[in-house]
Full PDB file with SEQRES, HELIX, SHEET, SSBOND, CRYST1, ORIGX, SCALE, CONECT and MASTER records, all heavy atoms in Angstrom:
SEQRES   1 A   35  PRO LYS LYS GLN SER LEU ASP ILE GLU SER LEU LYS LYS          
SEQRES   2 A   35  ASP ILE VAL THR ALA LYS GLU TRP ILE LYS THR ALA LEU          
SEQRES   3 A   35  GLU SER SER GLY TYR GLN ALA ASP PHE                          
HELIX    1 AA1 ILE A    8  SER A   28  1                                  21    
CRYST1    1.000    1.000    1.000  90.00  90.00  90.00 P 1           1          
ORIGX1      1.000000  0.000000  0.000000        0.00000                         
ORIGX2      0.000000  1.000000  0.000000        0.00000                         
ORIGX3      0.000000  0.000000  1.000000        0.00000                         
SCALE1      1.000000  0.000000  0.000000        0.00000                         
SCALE2      0.000000  1.000000  0.000000        0.00000                         
SCALE3      0.000000  0.000000  1.000000        0.00000                         
ATOM      1  N   PRO A   1     -88.999  20.595  39.635  1.00  0.00           N  
ATOM      2  CA  PRO A   1     -88.191  19.586  40.307  1.00  0.00           C  
ATOM      3  C   PRO A   1     -88.161  19.799  41.779  1.00  0.00           C  
ATOM      4  O   PRO A   1     -87.992  20.930  42.242  1.00  0.00           O  
ATOM      5  CB  PRO A   1     -86.834  19.772  39.670  1.00  0.00           C  
ATOM      6  CG  PRO A   1     -86.820  21.149  39.096  1.00  0.00           C  
ATOM      7  CD  PRO A   1     -88.229  21.490  38.800  1.00  0.00           C  
ATOM      8  N   LYS A   2     -88.410  18.757  42.509  1.00  0.00           N  
ATOM      9  CA  LYS A   2     -88.353  18.791  43.987  1.00  0.00           C  
ATOM     10  C   LYS A   2     -86.917  18.509  44.382  1.00  0.00           C  
ATOM     11  O   LYS A   2     -86.283  17.600  43.875  1.00  0.00           O  
ATOM     12  CB  LYS A   2     -89.283  17.795  44.588  1.00  0.00           C  
ATOM     13  CG  LYS A   2     -90.718  17.859  44.016  1.00  0.00           C  
ATOM     14  CD  LYS A   2     -91.506  18.922  44.769  1.00  0.00           C  
ATOM     15  CE  LYS A   2     -92.955  18.830  44.435  1.00  0.00           C  
ATOM     16  NZ  LYS A   2     -93.367  19.424  43.231  1.00  0.00           N  
ATOM     17  N   LYS A   3     -86.473  19.243  45.359  1.00  0.00           N  
ATOM     18  CA  LYS A   3     -85.122  18.929  45.885  1.00  0.00           C  
ATOM     19  C   LYS A   3     -85.253  17.653  46.721  1.00  0.00           C  
ATOM     20  O   LYS A   3     -85.950  17.613  47.723  1.00  0.00           O  
ATOM     21  CB  LYS A   3     -84.632  20.113  46.762  1.00  0.00           C  
ATOM     22  CG  LYS A   3     -83.227  19.848  47.254  1.00  0.00           C  
ATOM     23  CD  LYS A   3     -82.704  21.000  48.081  1.00  0.00           C  
ATOM     24  CE  LYS A   3     -81.319  20.665  48.601  1.00  0.00           C  
ATOM     25  NZ  LYS A   3     -80.863  21.670  49.481  1.00  0.00           N  
ATOM     26  N   GLN A   4     -84.527  16.661  46.180  1.00  0.00           N  
ATOM     27  CA  GLN A   4     -84.606  15.369  46.889  1.00  0.00           C  
ATOM     28  C   GLN A   4     -83.450  15.298  47.861  1.00  0.00           C  
ATOM     29  O   GLN A   4     -82.292  15.542  47.521  1.00  0.00           O  
ATOM     30  CB  GLN A   4     -84.531  14.285  45.900  1.00  0.00           C  
ATOM     31  CG  GLN A   4     -85.707  14.253  44.970  1.00  0.00           C  
ATOM     32  CD  GLN A   4     -85.971  12.944  44.365  1.00  0.00           C  
ATOM     33  OE1 GLN A   4     -85.264  11.980  44.679  1.00  0.00           O  
ATOM     34  NE2 GLN A   4     -86.924  12.842  43.505  1.00  0.00           N  
ATOM     35  N   SER A   5     -83.738  14.945  49.080  1.00  0.00           N  
ATOM     36  CA  SER A   5     -82.717  14.754  50.028  1.00  0.00           C  
ATOM     37  C   SER A   5     -82.283  13.310  50.026  1.00  0.00           C  
ATOM     38  O   SER A   5     -83.072  12.417  49.847  1.00  0.00           O  
ATOM     39  CB  SER A   5     -83.203  15.183  51.431  1.00  0.00           C  
ATOM     40  OG  SER A   5     -84.316  14.383  51.833  1.00  0.00           O  
ATOM     41  N   LEU A   6     -81.030  13.127  50.159  1.00  0.00           N  
ATOM     42  CA  LEU A   6     -80.422  11.790  50.141  1.00  0.00           C  
ATOM     43  C   LEU A   6     -80.612  11.165  51.516  1.00  0.00           C  
ATOM     44  O   LEU A   6     -80.270  11.792  52.537  1.00  0.00           O  
ATOM     45  CB  LEU A   6     -78.981  11.913  49.759  1.00  0.00           C  
ATOM     46  CG  LEU A   6     -78.285  10.664  49.206  1.00  0.00           C  
ATOM     47  CD1 LEU A   6     -79.002  10.183  47.990  1.00  0.00           C  
ATOM     48  CD2 LEU A   6     -76.857  10.964  48.880  1.00  0.00           C  
ATOM     49  N   ASP A   7     -81.161  10.019  51.612  1.00  0.00           N  
ATOM     50  CA  ASP A   7     -81.389   9.364  52.822  1.00  0.00           C  
ATOM     51  C   ASP A   7     -80.050   8.687  53.300  1.00  0.00           C  
ATOM     52  O   ASP A   7     -79.674   7.662  52.758  1.00  0.00           O  
ATOM     53  CB  ASP A   7     -82.479   8.312  52.661  1.00  0.00           C  
ATOM     54  CG  ASP A   7     -82.817   7.583  53.950  1.00  0.00           C  
ATOM     55  OD1 ASP A   7     -82.147   7.844  55.035  1.00  0.00           O  
ATOM     56  OD2 ASP A   7     -83.709   6.699  53.947  1.00  0.00           O  
ATOM     57  N   ILE A   8     -79.352   9.303  54.230  1.00  0.00           N  
ATOM     58  CA  ILE A   8     -78.072   8.827  54.672  1.00  0.00           C  
ATOM     59  C   ILE A   8     -78.115   7.431  55.280  1.00  0.00           C  
ATOM     60  O   ILE A   8     -77.237   6.624  54.972  1.00  0.00           O  
ATOM     61  CB  ILE A   8     -77.469   9.862  55.716  1.00  0.00           C  
ATOM     62  CG1 ILE A   8     -77.340  11.268  55.101  1.00  0.00           C  
ATOM     63  CG2 ILE A   8     -76.144   9.349  56.219  1.00  0.00           C  
ATOM     64  CD1 ILE A   8     -76.430  11.371  53.901  1.00  0.00           C  
ATOM     65  N   GLU A   9     -79.129   7.154  56.088  1.00  0.00           N  
ATOM     66  CA  GLU A   9     -79.196   5.815  56.658  1.00  0.00           C  
ATOM     67  C   GLU A   9     -79.405   4.738  55.609  1.00  0.00           C  
ATOM     68  O   GLU A   9     -78.789   3.664  55.664  1.00  0.00           O  
ATOM     69  CB  GLU A   9     -80.335   5.782  57.721  1.00  0.00           C  
ATOM     70  CG  GLU A   9     -80.030   6.561  58.937  1.00  0.00           C  
ATOM     71  CD  GLU A   9     -78.720   6.286  59.609  1.00  0.00           C  
ATOM     72  OE1 GLU A   9     -78.428   5.087  59.797  1.00  0.00           O  
ATOM     73  OE2 GLU A   9     -77.975   7.262  59.912  1.00  0.00           O  
ATOM     74  N   SER A  10     -80.203   5.024  54.641  1.00  0.00           N  
ATOM     75  CA  SER A  10     -80.420   4.086  53.552  1.00  0.00           C  
ATOM     76  C   SER A  10     -79.154   3.908  52.720  1.00  0.00           C  
ATOM     77  O   SER A  10     -78.788   2.785  52.300  1.00  0.00           O  
ATOM     78  CB  SER A  10     -81.539   4.578  52.617  1.00  0.00           C  
ATOM     79  OG  SER A  10     -81.716   3.698  51.525  1.00  0.00           O  
ATOM     80  N   LEU A  11     -78.423   4.988  52.532  1.00  0.00           N  
ATOM     81  CA  LEU A  11     -77.157   4.919  51.771  1.00  0.00           C  
ATOM     82  C   LEU A  11     -76.105   4.106  52.551  1.00  0.00           C  
ATOM     83  O   LEU A  11     -75.375   3.335  51.949  1.00  0.00           O  
ATOM     84  CB  LEU A  11     -76.649   6.352  51.547  1.00  0.00           C  
ATOM     85  CG  LEU A  11     -75.440   6.525  50.610  1.00  0.00           C  
ATOM     86  CD1 LEU A  11     -75.696   5.799  49.281  1.00  0.00           C  
ATOM     87  CD2 LEU A  11     -75.156   7.978  50.352  1.00  0.00           C  
ATOM     88  N   LYS A  12     -76.078   4.261  53.861  1.00  0.00           N  
ATOM     89  CA  LYS A  12     -75.162   3.405  54.659  1.00  0.00           C  
ATOM     90  C   LYS A  12     -75.454   1.943  54.477  1.00  0.00           C  
ATOM     91  O   LYS A  12     -74.552   1.123  54.376  1.00  0.00           O  
ATOM     92  CB  LYS A  12     -75.268   3.799  56.173  1.00  0.00           C  
ATOM     93  CG  LYS A  12     -74.653   5.106  56.524  1.00  0.00           C  
ATOM     94  CD  LYS A  12     -74.854   5.446  58.009  1.00  0.00           C  
ATOM     95  CE  LYS A  12     -74.296   6.804  58.338  1.00  0.00           C  
ATOM     96  NZ  LYS A  12     -74.516   7.094  59.793  1.00  0.00           N  
ATOM     97  N   LYS A  13     -76.756   1.595  54.505  1.00  0.00           N  
ATOM     98  CA  LYS A  13     -77.155   0.185  54.248  1.00  0.00           C  
ATOM     99  C   LYS A  13     -76.753  -0.275  52.876  1.00  0.00           C  
ATOM    100  O   LYS A  13     -76.322  -1.417  52.674  1.00  0.00           O  
ATOM    101  CB  LYS A  13     -78.661   0.015  54.486  1.00  0.00           C  
ATOM    102  CG  LYS A  13     -79.058   0.146  55.921  1.00  0.00           C  
ATOM    103  CD  LYS A  13     -80.578   0.070  56.088  1.00  0.00           C  
ATOM    104  CE  LYS A  13     -81.019   0.416  57.480  1.00  0.00           C  
ATOM    105  NZ  LYS A  13     -82.474   0.439  57.647  1.00  0.00           N  
ATOM    106  N   ASP A  14     -76.947   0.624  51.881  1.00  0.00           N  
ATOM    107  CA  ASP A  14     -76.562   0.286  50.527  1.00  0.00           C  
ATOM    108  C   ASP A  14     -75.078   0.024  50.396  1.00  0.00           C  
ATOM    109  O   ASP A  14     -74.648  -0.889  49.638  1.00  0.00           O  
ATOM    110  CB  ASP A  14     -76.948   1.436  49.542  1.00  0.00           C  
ATOM    111  CG  ASP A  14     -78.449   1.557  49.371  1.00  0.00           C  
ATOM    112  OD1 ASP A  14     -79.168   0.648  49.722  1.00  0.00           O  
ATOM    113  OD2 ASP A  14     -78.848   2.618  48.769  1.00  0.00           O  
ATOM    114  N   ILE A  15     -74.261   0.731  51.147  1.00  0.00           N  
ATOM    115  CA  ILE A  15     -72.831   0.542  51.138  1.00  0.00           C  
ATOM    116  C   ILE A  15     -72.451  -0.860  51.655  1.00  0.00           C  
ATOM    117  O   ILE A  15     -71.698  -1.583  51.045  1.00  0.00           O  
ATOM    118  CB  ILE A  15     -72.098   1.664  51.864  1.00  0.00           C  
ATOM    119  CG1 ILE A  15     -72.141   2.930  51.053  1.00  0.00           C  
ATOM    120  CG2 ILE A  15     -70.646   1.282  52.168  1.00  0.00           C  
ATOM    121  CD1 ILE A  15     -71.710   4.185  51.768  1.00  0.00           C  
ATOM    122  N   VAL A  16     -73.080  -1.210  52.781  1.00  0.00           N  
ATOM    123  CA  VAL A  16     -72.809  -2.499  53.404  1.00  0.00           C  
ATOM    124  C   VAL A  16     -73.256  -3.608  52.480  1.00  0.00           C  
ATOM    125  O   VAL A  16     -72.498  -4.608  52.209  1.00  0.00           O  
ATOM    126  CB  VAL A  16     -73.539  -2.643  54.740  1.00  0.00           C  
ATOM    127  CG1 VAL A  16     -73.437  -4.057  55.310  1.00  0.00           C  
ATOM    128  CG2 VAL A  16     -72.922  -1.669  55.778  1.00  0.00           C  
ATOM    129  N   THR A  17     -74.442  -3.483  51.884  1.00  0.00           N  
ATOM    130  CA  THR A  17     -74.951  -4.519  50.974  1.00  0.00           C  
ATOM    131  C   THR A  17     -74.054  -4.625  49.729  1.00  0.00           C  
ATOM    132  O   THR A  17     -73.757  -5.737  49.311  1.00  0.00           O  
ATOM    133  CB  THR A  17     -76.419  -4.139  50.537  1.00  0.00           C  
ATOM    134  OG1 THR A  17     -77.247  -4.026  51.676  1.00  0.00           O  
ATOM    135  CG2 THR A  17     -76.968  -5.185  49.568  1.00  0.00           C  
ATOM    136  N   ALA A  18     -73.706  -3.471  49.164  1.00  0.00           N  
ATOM    137  CA  ALA A  18     -72.820  -3.482  47.970  1.00  0.00           C  
ATOM    138  C   ALA A  18     -71.488  -4.107  48.264  1.00  0.00           C  
ATOM    139  O   ALA A  18     -70.911  -4.858  47.481  1.00  0.00           O  
ATOM    140  CB  ALA A  18     -72.686  -2.051  47.451  1.00  0.00           C  
ATOM    141  N   LYS A  19     -70.925  -3.778  49.436  1.00  0.00           N  
ATOM    142  CA  LYS A  19     -69.613  -4.358  49.828  1.00  0.00           C  
ATOM    143  C   LYS A  19     -69.662  -5.885  49.894  1.00  0.00           C  
ATOM    144  O   LYS A  19     -68.797  -6.529  49.306  1.00  0.00           O  
ATOM    145  CB  LYS A  19     -69.245  -3.785  51.230  1.00  0.00           C  
ATOM    146  CG  LYS A  19     -67.991  -4.401  51.827  1.00  0.00           C  
ATOM    147  CD  LYS A  19     -67.785  -3.875  53.256  1.00  0.00           C  
ATOM    148  CE  LYS A  19     -66.647  -4.595  53.950  1.00  0.00           C  
ATOM    149  NZ  LYS A  19     -66.469  -4.134  55.294  1.00  0.00           N  
ATOM    150  N   GLU A  20     -70.674  -6.392  50.514  1.00  0.00           N  
ATOM    151  CA  GLU A  20     -70.774  -7.898  50.625  1.00  0.00           C  
ATOM    152  C   GLU A  20     -71.066  -8.520  49.251  1.00  0.00           C  
ATOM    153  O   GLU A  20     -70.517  -9.538  48.887  1.00  0.00           O  
ATOM    154  CB  GLU A  20     -71.888  -8.192  51.608  1.00  0.00           C  
ATOM    155  CG  GLU A  20     -71.544  -7.801  53.017  1.00  0.00           C  
ATOM    156  CD  GLU A  20     -72.738  -7.846  53.977  1.00  0.00           C  
ATOM    157  OE1 GLU A  20     -73.859  -8.159  53.546  1.00  0.00           O  
ATOM    158  OE2 GLU A  20     -72.543  -7.476  55.145  1.00  0.00           O  
ATOM    159  N   TRP A  21     -71.987  -7.907  48.472  1.00  0.00           N  
ATOM    160  CA  TRP A  21     -72.355  -8.411  47.171  1.00  0.00           C  
ATOM    161  C   TRP A  21     -71.174  -8.431  46.193  1.00  0.00           C  
ATOM    162  O   TRP A  21     -70.949  -9.419  45.547  1.00  0.00           O  
ATOM    163  CB  TRP A  21     -73.517  -7.587  46.632  1.00  0.00           C  
ATOM    164  CG  TRP A  21     -73.913  -8.058  45.264  1.00  0.00           C  
ATOM    165  CD1 TRP A  21     -74.704  -9.128  44.931  1.00  0.00           C  
ATOM    166  CD2 TRP A  21     -73.573  -7.450  44.003  1.00  0.00           C  
ATOM    167  NE1 TRP A  21     -74.831  -9.264  43.559  1.00  0.00           N  
ATOM    168  CE2 TRP A  21     -74.143  -8.226  42.971  1.00  0.00           C  
ATOM    169  CE3 TRP A  21     -72.823  -6.312  43.665  1.00  0.00           C  
ATOM    170  CZ2 TRP A  21     -73.993  -7.904  41.617  1.00  0.00           C  
ATOM    171  CZ3 TRP A  21     -72.669  -6.029  42.297  1.00  0.00           C  
ATOM    172  CH2 TRP A  21     -73.281  -6.796  41.353  1.00  0.00           C  
ATOM    173  N   ILE A  22     -70.423  -7.317  46.149  1.00  0.00           N  
ATOM    174  CA  ILE A  22     -69.350  -7.265  45.134  1.00  0.00           C  
ATOM    175  C   ILE A  22     -68.203  -8.180  45.466  1.00  0.00           C  
ATOM    176  O   ILE A  22     -67.547  -8.738  44.640  1.00  0.00           O  
ATOM    177  CB  ILE A  22     -68.890  -5.792  44.894  1.00  0.00           C  
ATOM    178  CG1 ILE A  22     -68.085  -5.703  43.579  1.00  0.00           C  
ATOM    179  CG2 ILE A  22     -68.012  -5.287  46.042  1.00  0.00           C  
ATOM    180  CD1 ILE A  22     -68.867  -5.956  42.335  1.00  0.00           C  
ATOM    181  N   LYS A  23     -67.934  -8.354  46.761  1.00  0.00           N  
ATOM    182  CA  LYS A  23     -66.871  -9.281  47.203  1.00  0.00           C  
ATOM    183  C   LYS A  23     -67.198 -10.675  46.697  1.00  0.00           C  
ATOM    184  O   LYS A  23     -66.375 -11.341  46.063  1.00  0.00           O  
ATOM    185  CB  LYS A  23     -66.698  -9.259  48.701  1.00  0.00           C  
ATOM    186  CG  LYS A  23     -65.649 -10.249  49.232  1.00  0.00           C  
ATOM    187  CD  LYS A  23     -65.519 -10.179  50.726  1.00  0.00           C  
ATOM    188  CE  LYS A  23     -64.574 -11.177  51.355  1.00  0.00           C  
ATOM    189  NZ  LYS A  23     -63.589 -11.803  50.528  1.00  0.00           N  
ATOM    190  N   THR A  24     -68.436 -11.116  46.986  1.00  0.00           N  
ATOM    191  CA  THR A  24     -68.899 -12.464  46.519  1.00  0.00           C  
ATOM    192  C   THR A  24     -68.884 -12.552  45.010  1.00  0.00           C  
ATOM    193  O   THR A  24     -68.422 -13.572  44.447  1.00  0.00           O  
ATOM    194  CB  THR A  24     -70.267 -12.723  47.039  1.00  0.00           C  
ATOM    195  OG1 THR A  24     -70.248 -12.608  48.501  1.00  0.00           O  
ATOM    196  CG2 THR A  24     -70.758 -14.119  46.663  1.00  0.00           C  
ATOM    197  N   ALA A  25     -69.382 -11.502  44.320  1.00  0.00           N  
ATOM    198  CA  ALA A  25     -69.440 -11.530  42.865  1.00  0.00           C  
ATOM    199  C   ALA A  25     -68.067 -11.578  42.206  1.00  0.00           C  
ATOM    200  O   ALA A  25     -67.843 -12.364  41.281  1.00  0.00           O  
ATOM    201  CB  ALA A  25     -70.203 -10.317  42.366  1.00  0.00           C  
ATOM    202  N   LEU A  26     -67.140 -10.771  42.731  1.00  0.00           N  
ATOM    203  CA  LEU A  26     -65.787 -10.760  42.158  1.00  0.00           C  
ATOM    204  C   LEU A  26     -65.094 -12.123  42.373  1.00  0.00           C  
ATOM    205  O   LEU A  26     -64.534 -12.699  41.423  1.00  0.00           O  
ATOM    206  CB  LEU A  26     -64.964  -9.647  42.805  1.00  0.00           C  
ATOM    207  CG  LEU A  26     -65.264  -8.231  42.303  1.00  0.00           C  
ATOM    208  CD1 LEU A  26     -64.508  -7.188  43.209  1.00  0.00           C  
ATOM    209  CD2 LEU A  26     -64.869  -8.033  40.876  1.00  0.00           C  
ATOM    210  N   GLU A  27     -65.179 -12.608  43.610  1.00  0.00           N  
ATOM    211  CA  GLU A  27     -64.541 -13.910  43.891  1.00  0.00           C  
ATOM    212  C   GLU A  27     -65.130 -15.095  43.102  1.00  0.00           C  
ATOM    213  O   GLU A  27     -64.419 -15.883  42.598  1.00  0.00           O  
ATOM    214  CB  GLU A  27     -64.606 -14.207  45.399  1.00  0.00           C  
ATOM    215  CG  GLU A  27     -63.740 -13.306  46.208  1.00  0.00           C  
ATOM    216  CD  GLU A  27     -63.885 -13.510  47.706  1.00  0.00           C  
ATOM    217  OE1 GLU A  27     -64.888 -14.087  48.163  1.00  0.00           O  
ATOM    218  OE2 GLU A  27     -62.935 -13.081  48.434  1.00  0.00           O  
ATOM    219  N   SER A  28     -66.475 -15.078  42.909  1.00  0.00           N  
ATOM    220  CA  SER A  28     -67.090 -16.154  42.144  1.00  0.00           C  
ATOM    221  C   SER A  28     -66.740 -16.070  40.652  1.00  0.00           C  
ATOM    222  O   SER A  28     -66.871 -17.019  39.937  1.00  0.00           O  
ATOM    223  CB  SER A  28     -68.583 -16.129  42.342  1.00  0.00           C  
ATOM    224  OG  SER A  28     -69.168 -15.004  41.734  1.00  0.00           O  
ATOM    225  N   SER A  29     -66.261 -14.873  40.203  1.00  0.00           N  
ATOM    226  CA  SER A  29     -65.864 -14.720  38.797  1.00  0.00           C  
ATOM    227  C   SER A  29     -64.350 -14.899  38.627  1.00  0.00           C  
ATOM    228  O   SER A  29     -63.818 -14.616  37.541  1.00  0.00           O  
ATOM    229  CB  SER A  29     -66.320 -13.380  38.301  1.00  0.00           C  
ATOM    230  OG  SER A  29     -67.762 -13.308  38.319  1.00  0.00           O  
ATOM    231  N   GLY A  30     -63.652 -15.231  39.690  1.00  0.00           N  
ATOM    232  CA  GLY A  30     -62.214 -15.461  39.594  1.00  0.00           C  
ATOM    233  C   GLY A  30     -61.344 -14.254  39.861  1.00  0.00           C  
ATOM    234  O   GLY A  30     -60.132 -14.283  39.500  1.00  0.00           O  
ATOM    235  N   TYR A  31     -61.864 -13.258  40.537  1.00  0.00           N  
ATOM    236  CA  TYR A  31     -61.038 -12.043  40.829  1.00  0.00           C  
ATOM    237  C   TYR A  31     -60.810 -12.008  42.321  1.00  0.00           C  
ATOM    238  O   TYR A  31     -61.661 -12.344  43.151  1.00  0.00           O  
ATOM    239  CB  TYR A  31     -61.825 -10.777  40.419  1.00  0.00           C  
ATOM    240  CG  TYR A  31     -62.085 -10.764  38.923  1.00  0.00           C  
ATOM    241  CD1 TYR A  31     -63.304 -11.142  38.408  1.00  0.00           C  
ATOM    242  CD2 TYR A  31     -61.099 -10.338  38.001  1.00  0.00           C  
ATOM    243  CE1 TYR A  31     -63.554 -11.125  37.047  1.00  0.00           C  
ATOM    244  CE2 TYR A  31     -61.332 -10.344  36.649  1.00  0.00           C  
ATOM    245  CZ  TYR A  31     -62.576 -10.720  36.176  1.00  0.00           C  
ATOM    246  OH  TYR A  31     -62.814 -10.700  34.812  1.00  0.00           O  
ATOM    247  N   GLN A  32     -59.576 -11.572  42.682  1.00  0.00           N  
ATOM    248  CA  GLN A  32     -59.207 -11.391  44.085  1.00  0.00           C  
ATOM    249  C   GLN A  32     -60.025 -10.283  44.683  1.00  0.00           C  
ATOM    250  O   GLN A  32     -60.083  -9.173  44.100  1.00  0.00           O  
ATOM    251  CB  GLN A  32     -57.754 -11.084  44.190  1.00  0.00           C  
ATOM    252  CG  GLN A  32     -57.195 -10.928  45.595  1.00  0.00           C  
ATOM    253  CD  GLN A  32     -55.712 -10.573  45.654  1.00  0.00           C  
ATOM    254  OE1 GLN A  32     -55.038 -10.699  44.667  1.00  0.00           O  
ATOM    255  NE2 GLN A  32     -55.260 -10.116  46.798  1.00  0.00           N  
ATOM    256  N   ALA A  33     -60.597 -10.499  45.836  1.00  0.00           N  
ATOM    257  CA  ALA A  33     -61.442  -9.467  46.510  1.00  0.00           C  
ATOM    258  C   ALA A  33     -61.242  -9.500  48.021  1.00  0.00           C  
ATOM    259  O   ALA A  33     -62.222  -9.709  48.767  1.00  0.00           O  
ATOM    260  CB  ALA A  33     -62.931  -9.625  46.113  1.00  0.00           C  
ATOM    261  N   ASP A  34     -60.007  -9.379  48.454  1.00  0.00           N  
ATOM    262  CA  ASP A  34     -59.710  -9.444  49.899  1.00  0.00           C  
ATOM    263  C   ASP A  34     -59.481  -8.069  50.525  1.00  0.00           C  
ATOM    264  O   ASP A  34     -58.993  -7.993  51.632  1.00  0.00           O  
ATOM    265  CB  ASP A  34     -58.525 -10.368  50.125  1.00  0.00           C  
ATOM    266  CG  ASP A  34     -57.264  -9.846  49.432  1.00  0.00           C  
ATOM    267  OD1 ASP A  34     -57.285  -8.751  48.801  1.00  0.00           O  
ATOM    268  OD2 ASP A  34     -56.224 -10.523  49.520  1.00  0.00           O  
ATOM    269  N   PHE A  35     -59.868  -7.019  49.835  1.00  0.00           N  
ATOM    270  CA  PHE A  35     -59.761  -5.649  50.301  1.00  0.00           C  
ATOM    271  C   PHE A  35     -58.244  -5.229  50.486  1.00  0.00           C  
ATOM    272  O   PHE A  35     -58.000  -4.308  51.286  1.00  0.00           O  
ATOM    273  CB  PHE A  35     -60.563  -5.394  51.541  1.00  0.00           C  
ATOM    274  CG  PHE A  35     -62.047  -5.584  51.342  1.00  0.00           C  
ATOM    275  CD1 PHE A  35     -62.661  -6.792  51.600  1.00  0.00           C  
ATOM    276  CD2 PHE A  35     -62.805  -4.592  50.693  1.00  0.00           C  
ATOM    277  CE1 PHE A  35     -64.024  -6.988  51.350  1.00  0.00           C  
ATOM    278  CE2 PHE A  35     -64.140  -4.821  50.406  1.00  0.00           C  
ATOM    279  CZ  PHE A  35     -64.756  -6.016  50.743  1.00  0.00           C  
TER     280      PHE A  35                                                      
MASTER        0    0    0    1    0    0    0    6  279    1    0    3          
END                                                                             
């Protein structure tokens, strides 16, 4: 097994993408998502 390093910059982008996606997904399914 190779030690895989976590790409921090990619993870930061994933967080931003996930934040926007889940807010839209929750609201479109009838759940409050105003943080």
